[in-house]
Amino acid sequence: MKIDVHGIHKNFGTKPVLRGIDLRVAQGEVVAVIGPSGSGKSTLLRCLNLLETPDSGTIRIGDASVDAARIGRREAARLRSKTAMVFQSYNLFRNRTVLQNVSDSITLRRRASRTEAERTGRELLERVGIVDEVVRQYPATLSGGQAQRVSIARALAVEPEAVLFDEPTSALDPELVGEVLSVIRDLADQDTTMVIVTHEMGFAAEVADRVVFMDEGRVVEEGPARDLIGNPRHARTRQFLGQLGDRTVAEPRKPRGIGELDELYLESMVAG
């Protein structure tokens, strides 16, 4: 297993948010995590890279593992190095160009020369559909779709064993959603291991190998994507999907601002 999570519990104060989560993701598998707001989806994702520290449970990604009861700094850094995260609010470094956002991590994490890093950075940006004339621009000049594609290229630059997506289209206008989903679809075709928290049910059914439905901090149901979305077994899953009706693209919402932990995580992605 590329990712193996067992018995994860997480409280915020006295409020339980995750109540004993088990999750396994195989090499090259795409798992979509769905559920209502407040079900713990994003918290689970943030526990995988220790942006949130679980209260109990174990996490293994590749050959790195931690036990929440005794997480040391070295173990935490090793686990984080196995993943890269794409945030809903892009979280690009505003004082760095598009190319620098991608190439800086290549320079530092791979110990590459600047020339090599810029060449690889341009290749990654081209891979996600960012044209050459954009690479010298700063994030403030980009559309939401462009910014999110740059953040995906930056995530790929550190050569992670798994890429984590936290509602990557929720801050986008509907007409920009397709260009980001297309990039993720291409990654899935290339057997990239991914965990995607999403509200795009049609996309999840098309791209994910497996869907996990969460509610009130628990995994209620999981199974092959098309089976679960098309014919859920659990009454709560049926209720949730029934409330969505035919709507597969939600209205964009204002993204959460970058927090201190997110900023530290992004710096660690670049610096290693």
Protein backbone atom coordinates (compact mmCIF):
# COMPACT_ATOMS: atom_id res chain seq x y z
CA MET A 1 0.00 0.00 0.00
CA LYS A 2 1.21 3.50 -0.82
CA ILE A 3 -0.94 5.04 1.95
CA ASP A 4 -2.16 3.12 4.99
CA VAL A 5 -4.08 5.00 7.69
CA HIS A 6 -5.44 3.23 10.73
CA GLY A 7 -7.58 4.46 13.61
CA ILE A 8 -7.14 8.20 13.11
CA HIS A 9 -8.94 10.33 15.69
CA LYS A 10 -8.84 14.12 15.77
CA ASN A 11 -10.63 16.57 18.06
CA PHE A 12 -10.73 20.34 17.87
CA GLY A 13 -11.18 21.24 21.51
CA THR A 14 -13.99 19.04 22.75
CA LYS A 15 -15.46 18.52 19.28
CA PRO A 16 -14.60 15.21 17.60
CA VAL A 17 -13.85 15.73 13.90
CA LEU A 18 -12.37 12.36 12.94
CA ARG A 19 -13.65 9.28 14.72
CA GLY A 20 -11.43 6.33 13.91
CA ILE A 21 -10.65 6.66 10.20
CA ASP A 22 -9.10 3.77 8.27
CA LEU A 23 -7.95 4.45 4.71
CA ARG A 24 -5.80 2.52 2.28
CA VAL A 25 -4.60 3.75 -1.10
CA ALA A 26 -2.65 1.51 -3.45
CA GLN A 27 0.20 2.56 -5.72
CA GLY A 28 -1.25 4.45 -8.70
CA GLU A 29 -4.78 4.50 -7.25
CA VAL A 30 -7.00 7.58 -7.32
CA VAL A 31 -9.31 7.90 -4.31
CA ALA A 32 -11.95 10.61 -4.13
CA VAL A 33 -13.24 11.61 -0.69
CA ILE A 34 -16.74 13.06 -0.70
CA GLY A 35 -19.27 14.10 1.92
CA PRO A 36 -21.14 17.06 3.37
CA SER A 37 -19.43 20.14 4.76
CA GLY A 38 -18.06 19.45 8.22
CA SER A 39 -17.73 15.72 7.69
CA GLY A 40 -13.96 15.79 8.26
CA LYS A 41 -12.77 15.37 4.67
CA SER A 42 -10.21 18.18 4.61
CA THR A 43 -9.08 17.42 8.15
CA LEU A 44 -8.33 13.85 7.11
CA LEU A 45 -6.29 15.11 4.16
CA ARG A 46 -4.38 17.52 6.40
CA CYS A 47 -3.64 14.71 8.83
CA LEU A 48 -1.99 12.72 6.05
CA ASN A 49 0.82 15.29 5.80
CA LEU A 50 0.59 16.34 9.46
CA LEU A 51 -0.65 19.86 8.81
CA GLU A 52 -3.04 18.69 11.49
CA THR A 53 -1.66 16.33 14.11
CA PRO A 54 -3.97 13.39 14.87
CA ASP A 55 -4.78 12.68 18.48
CA SER A 56 -4.33 8.95 17.91
CA GLY A 57 -3.79 6.44 15.12
CA THR A 58 -1.05 5.58 12.65
CA ILE A 59 -0.15 6.84 9.18
CA ARG A 60 2.14 5.13 6.69
CA ILE A 61 3.05 6.58 3.31
CA GLY A 62 5.51 4.51 1.34
CA ASP A 63 8.27 3.52 3.75
CA ALA A 64 7.61 6.40 6.18
CA SER A 65 5.29 6.00 9.14
CA VAL A 66 4.23 7.81 12.29
CA ASP A 67 2.27 6.93 15.39
CA ALA A 68 0.24 9.91 16.60
CA ALA A 69 1.10 9.06 20.19
CA ARG A 70 4.78 9.77 19.58
CA ILE A 71 5.56 11.85 16.51
CA GLY A 72 9.14 13.08 16.42
CA ARG A 73 10.36 15.94 14.25
CA ARG A 74 12.42 13.65 12.04
CA GLU A 75 9.55 11.20 11.50
CA ALA A 76 7.16 14.05 10.69
CA ALA A 77 9.55 15.58 8.15
CA ARG A 78 10.08 12.22 6.47
CA LEU A 79 6.35 11.59 6.18
CA ARG A 80 5.72 15.07 4.77
CA SER A 81 8.41 14.54 2.15
CA LYS A 82 6.35 11.71 0.66
CA THR A 83 3.45 13.95 -0.37
CA ALA A 84 2.68 17.24 -2.05
CA MET A 85 -0.57 19.10 -1.47
CA VAL A 86 -2.65 21.22 -3.82
CA PHE A 87 -4.77 23.67 -1.83
CA GLN A 88 -8.14 25.08 -2.81
CA SER A 89 -6.72 28.61 -2.54
CA TYR A 90 -3.62 27.87 -4.71
CA ASN A 91 -1.18 29.21 -2.05
CA LEU A 92 1.44 30.28 -4.56
CA PHE A 93 4.32 32.42 -3.37
CA ARG A 94 3.23 35.89 -4.42
CA ASN A 95 6.76 37.33 -4.59
CA ARG A 96 7.99 34.64 -7.00
CA THR A 97 7.22 34.27 -10.66
CA VAL A 98 5.27 31.33 -12.03
CA LEU A 99 8.52 29.65 -13.06
CA GLN A 100 10.21 30.37 -9.72
CA ASN A 101 7.26 28.88 -7.84
CA VAL A 102 8.01 25.60 -9.60
CA SER A 103 11.77 25.69 -10.17
CA ASP A 104 12.84 26.79 -6.67
CA SER A 105 11.70 23.49 -5.20
CA ILE A 106 13.60 21.60 -7.93
CA THR A 107 16.77 23.54 -7.15
CA LEU A 108 16.59 22.86 -3.43
CA ARG A 109 14.90 19.46 -3.17
CA ARG A 110 16.76 17.81 -6.06
CA ARG A 111 19.97 19.83 -5.63
CA ALA A 112 19.68 20.76 -9.31
CA SER A 113 21.39 23.67 -11.02
CA ARG A 114 19.27 26.71 -11.79
CA THR A 115 19.48 25.97 -15.51
CA GLU A 116 18.32 22.39 -15.02
CA ALA A 117 15.60 23.46 -12.56
CA GLU A 118 14.21 26.06 -14.95
CA ARG A 119 14.23 23.57 -17.83
CA THR A 120 12.36 20.99 -15.74
CA GLY A 121 10.04 23.68 -14.39
CA ARG A 122 9.11 24.76 -17.90
CA GLU A 123 8.43 21.13 -18.84
CA LEU A 124 6.13 20.70 -15.85
CA LEU A 125 4.31 23.95 -16.59
CA GLU A 126 3.86 22.90 -20.20
CA ARG A 127 2.52 19.58 -18.94
CA VAL A 128 -0.28 21.38 -17.10
CA GLY A 129 -1.01 23.71 -20.00
CA ILE A 130 0.82 26.88 -18.92
CA VAL A 131 2.20 28.56 -22.03
CA ASP A 132 5.71 30.00 -22.17
CA GLU A 133 4.68 33.67 -22.12
CA VAL A 134 3.08 33.18 -18.69
CA VAL A 135 6.08 31.72 -16.84
CA ARG A 136 7.64 35.12 -16.02
CA GLN A 137 4.41 36.54 -14.65
CA TYR A 138 3.55 36.77 -10.96
CA PRO A 139 0.60 34.91 -9.39
CA ALA A 140 -1.49 38.07 -9.00
CA THR A 141 -1.80 38.31 -12.78
CA LEU A 142 -3.14 34.77 -13.26
CA SER A 143 -6.69 33.52 -13.59
CA GLY A 144 -7.85 31.05 -10.95
CA GLY A 145 -7.54 28.17 -13.38
CA GLN A 146 -3.98 29.16 -14.30
CA ALA A 147 -3.00 29.59 -10.65
CA GLN A 148 -4.31 26.17 -9.71
CA ARG A 149 -2.50 24.53 -12.63
CA VAL A 150 0.73 26.21 -11.52
CA SER A 151 0.19 24.85 -8.00
CA ILE A 152 -0.22 21.36 -9.48
CA ALA A 153 3.04 21.76 -11.40
CA ARG A 154 4.76 22.87 -8.18
CA ALA A 155 3.42 19.79 -6.40
CA LEU A 156 4.77 17.51 -9.13
CA ALA A 157 8.15 19.26 -9.00
CA VAL A 158 9.06 17.64 -5.67
CA GLU A 159 8.43 14.17 -7.13
CA PRO A 160 6.01 13.10 -4.38
CA GLU A 161 4.86 9.54 -3.88
CA ALA A 162 1.29 10.81 -3.56
CA VAL A 163 -0.46 14.07 -4.42
CA LEU A 164 -3.20 15.35 -2.09
CA PHE A 165 -5.89 17.66 -3.50
CA ASP A 166 -8.06 19.68 -1.11
CA GLU A 167 -11.14 20.68 -3.14
CA PRO A 168 -8.96 21.95 -6.00
CA THR A 169 -11.84 23.54 -7.92
CA SER A 170 -13.99 24.96 -5.13
CA ALA A 171 -12.59 28.51 -5.46
CA LEU A 172 -12.92 28.62 -9.25
CA ASP A 173 -15.60 30.14 -11.42
CA PRO A 174 -17.54 27.33 -13.15
CA GLU A 175 -16.05 28.08 -16.57
CA LEU A 176 -12.51 27.52 -15.18
CA VAL A 177 -13.22 24.23 -13.46
CA GLY A 178 -12.80 22.12 -16.58
CA GLU A 179 -9.21 23.14 -17.26
CA VAL A 180 -8.08 22.04 -13.78
CA LEU A 181 -10.05 18.80 -13.87
CA SER A 182 -8.47 18.03 -17.23
CA VAL A 183 -5.00 18.23 -15.70
CA ILE A 184 -6.00 15.93 -12.83
CA ARG A 185 -7.57 13.54 -15.34
CA ASP A 186 -4.25 13.39 -17.23
CA LEU A 187 -2.38 12.64 -13.99
CA ALA A 188 -4.80 9.80 -13.27
CA ASP A 189 -4.10 8.38 -16.73
CA GLN A 190 -0.40 8.38 -15.82
CA ASP A 191 -1.01 6.27 -12.67
CA THR A 192 -0.28 9.09 -10.23
CA THR A 193 -1.30 8.15 -6.69
CA MET A 194 -3.86 10.75 -5.59
CA VAL A 195 -6.32 11.45 -2.80
CA ILE A 196 -8.83 14.08 -3.89
CA VAL A 197 -11.32 15.79 -1.61
CA THR A 198 -13.94 16.98 -4.09
CA HIS A 199 -17.53 18.06 -4.61
CA GLU A 200 -17.38 17.21 -8.33
CA MET A 201 -19.42 14.00 -8.38
CA GLY A 202 -19.32 13.52 -12.14
CA PHE A 203 -15.55 13.95 -12.12
CA ALA A 204 -15.14 11.55 -9.19
CA ALA A 205 -17.19 8.91 -11.00
CA GLU A 206 -15.10 9.33 -14.14
CA VAL A 207 -11.57 9.58 -12.75
CA ALA A 208 -11.44 7.96 -9.30
CA ASP A 209 -10.82 4.26 -8.89
CA ARG A 210 -12.58 4.37 -5.55
CA VAL A 211 -14.79 6.80 -3.67
CA VAL A 212 -14.92 7.22 0.11
CA PHE A 213 -18.04 8.82 1.56
CA MET A 214 -17.56 10.49 4.95
CA ASP A 215 -20.11 11.86 7.39
CA GLU A 216 -19.67 13.14 10.95
CA GLY A 217 -16.03 12.12 11.06
CA ARG A 218 -16.53 8.53 9.95
CA VAL A 219 -16.21 6.56 6.72
CA VAL A 220 -19.80 5.58 6.02
CA GLU A 221 -19.24 3.78 2.73
CA GLU A 222 -16.52 3.18 0.17
CA GLY A 223 -16.34 1.33 -3.09
CA PRO A 224 -15.64 1.53 -6.82
CA ALA A 225 -16.39 5.08 -7.94
CA ARG A 226 -19.15 4.43 -10.44
CA ASP A 227 -20.82 1.84 -8.19
CA LEU A 228 -20.89 4.06 -5.12
CA ILE A 229 -22.05 7.20 -6.93
CA GLY A 230 -24.47 5.39 -9.21
CA ASN A 231 -25.85 2.86 -6.74
CA PRO A 232 -24.87 3.61 -3.11
CA ARG A 233 -25.69 0.95 -0.54
CA HIS A 234 -25.96 3.09 2.59
CA ALA A 235 -29.03 5.24 3.22
CA ARG A 236 -26.94 8.24 4.30
CA THR A 237 -24.92 8.10 1.08
CA ARG A 238 -28.12 7.92 -0.97
CA GLN A 239 -29.51 10.91 0.93
CA PHE A 240 -26.37 12.98 0.34
CA LEU A 241 -26.17 12.19 -3.37
CA GLY A 242 -29.90 12.67 -3.78
CA GLN A 243 -29.65 16.19 -2.36
CA LEU A 244 -27.08 17.05 -5.03
CA GLY A 245 -29.40 16.02 -7.84
CA ASP A 246 -27.80 16.66 -11.20
CA ARG A 247 -25.51 19.39 -9.88
CA THR A 248 -21.89 18.33 -10.29
CA VAL A 249 -20.27 21.77 -10.18
CA ALA A 250 -20.75 23.88 -7.08
CA GLU A 251 -20.72 27.65 -7.09
CA PRO A 252 -17.23 28.93 -6.28
CA ARG A 253 -16.65 29.89 -2.69
CA LYS A 254 -14.13 32.25 -1.24
CA PRO A 255 -10.98 30.25 -0.47
CA ARG A 256 -9.65 30.03 3.03
CA GLY A 257 -6.58 32.20 3.44
CA ILE A 258 -3.19 30.61 3.85
CA GLY A 259 -2.47 29.78 7.46
CA GLU A 260 0.82 29.61 9.32
CA LEU A 261 0.99 25.81 9.11
CA ASP A 262 0.19 25.86 5.40
CA GLU A 263 2.96 28.40 4.82
CA LEU A 264 5.47 26.29 6.73
CA TYR A 265 4.43 23.22 4.77
CA LEU A 266 4.85 25.05 1.47
CA GLU A 267 8.29 26.27 2.51
CA SER A 268 9.22 22.70 3.44
CA MET A 269 8.08 21.51 -0.01
CA VAL A 270 10.52 23.94 -1.56
CA ALA A 271 13.41 23.56 0.87
CA GLY A 272 13.10 19.88 1.75
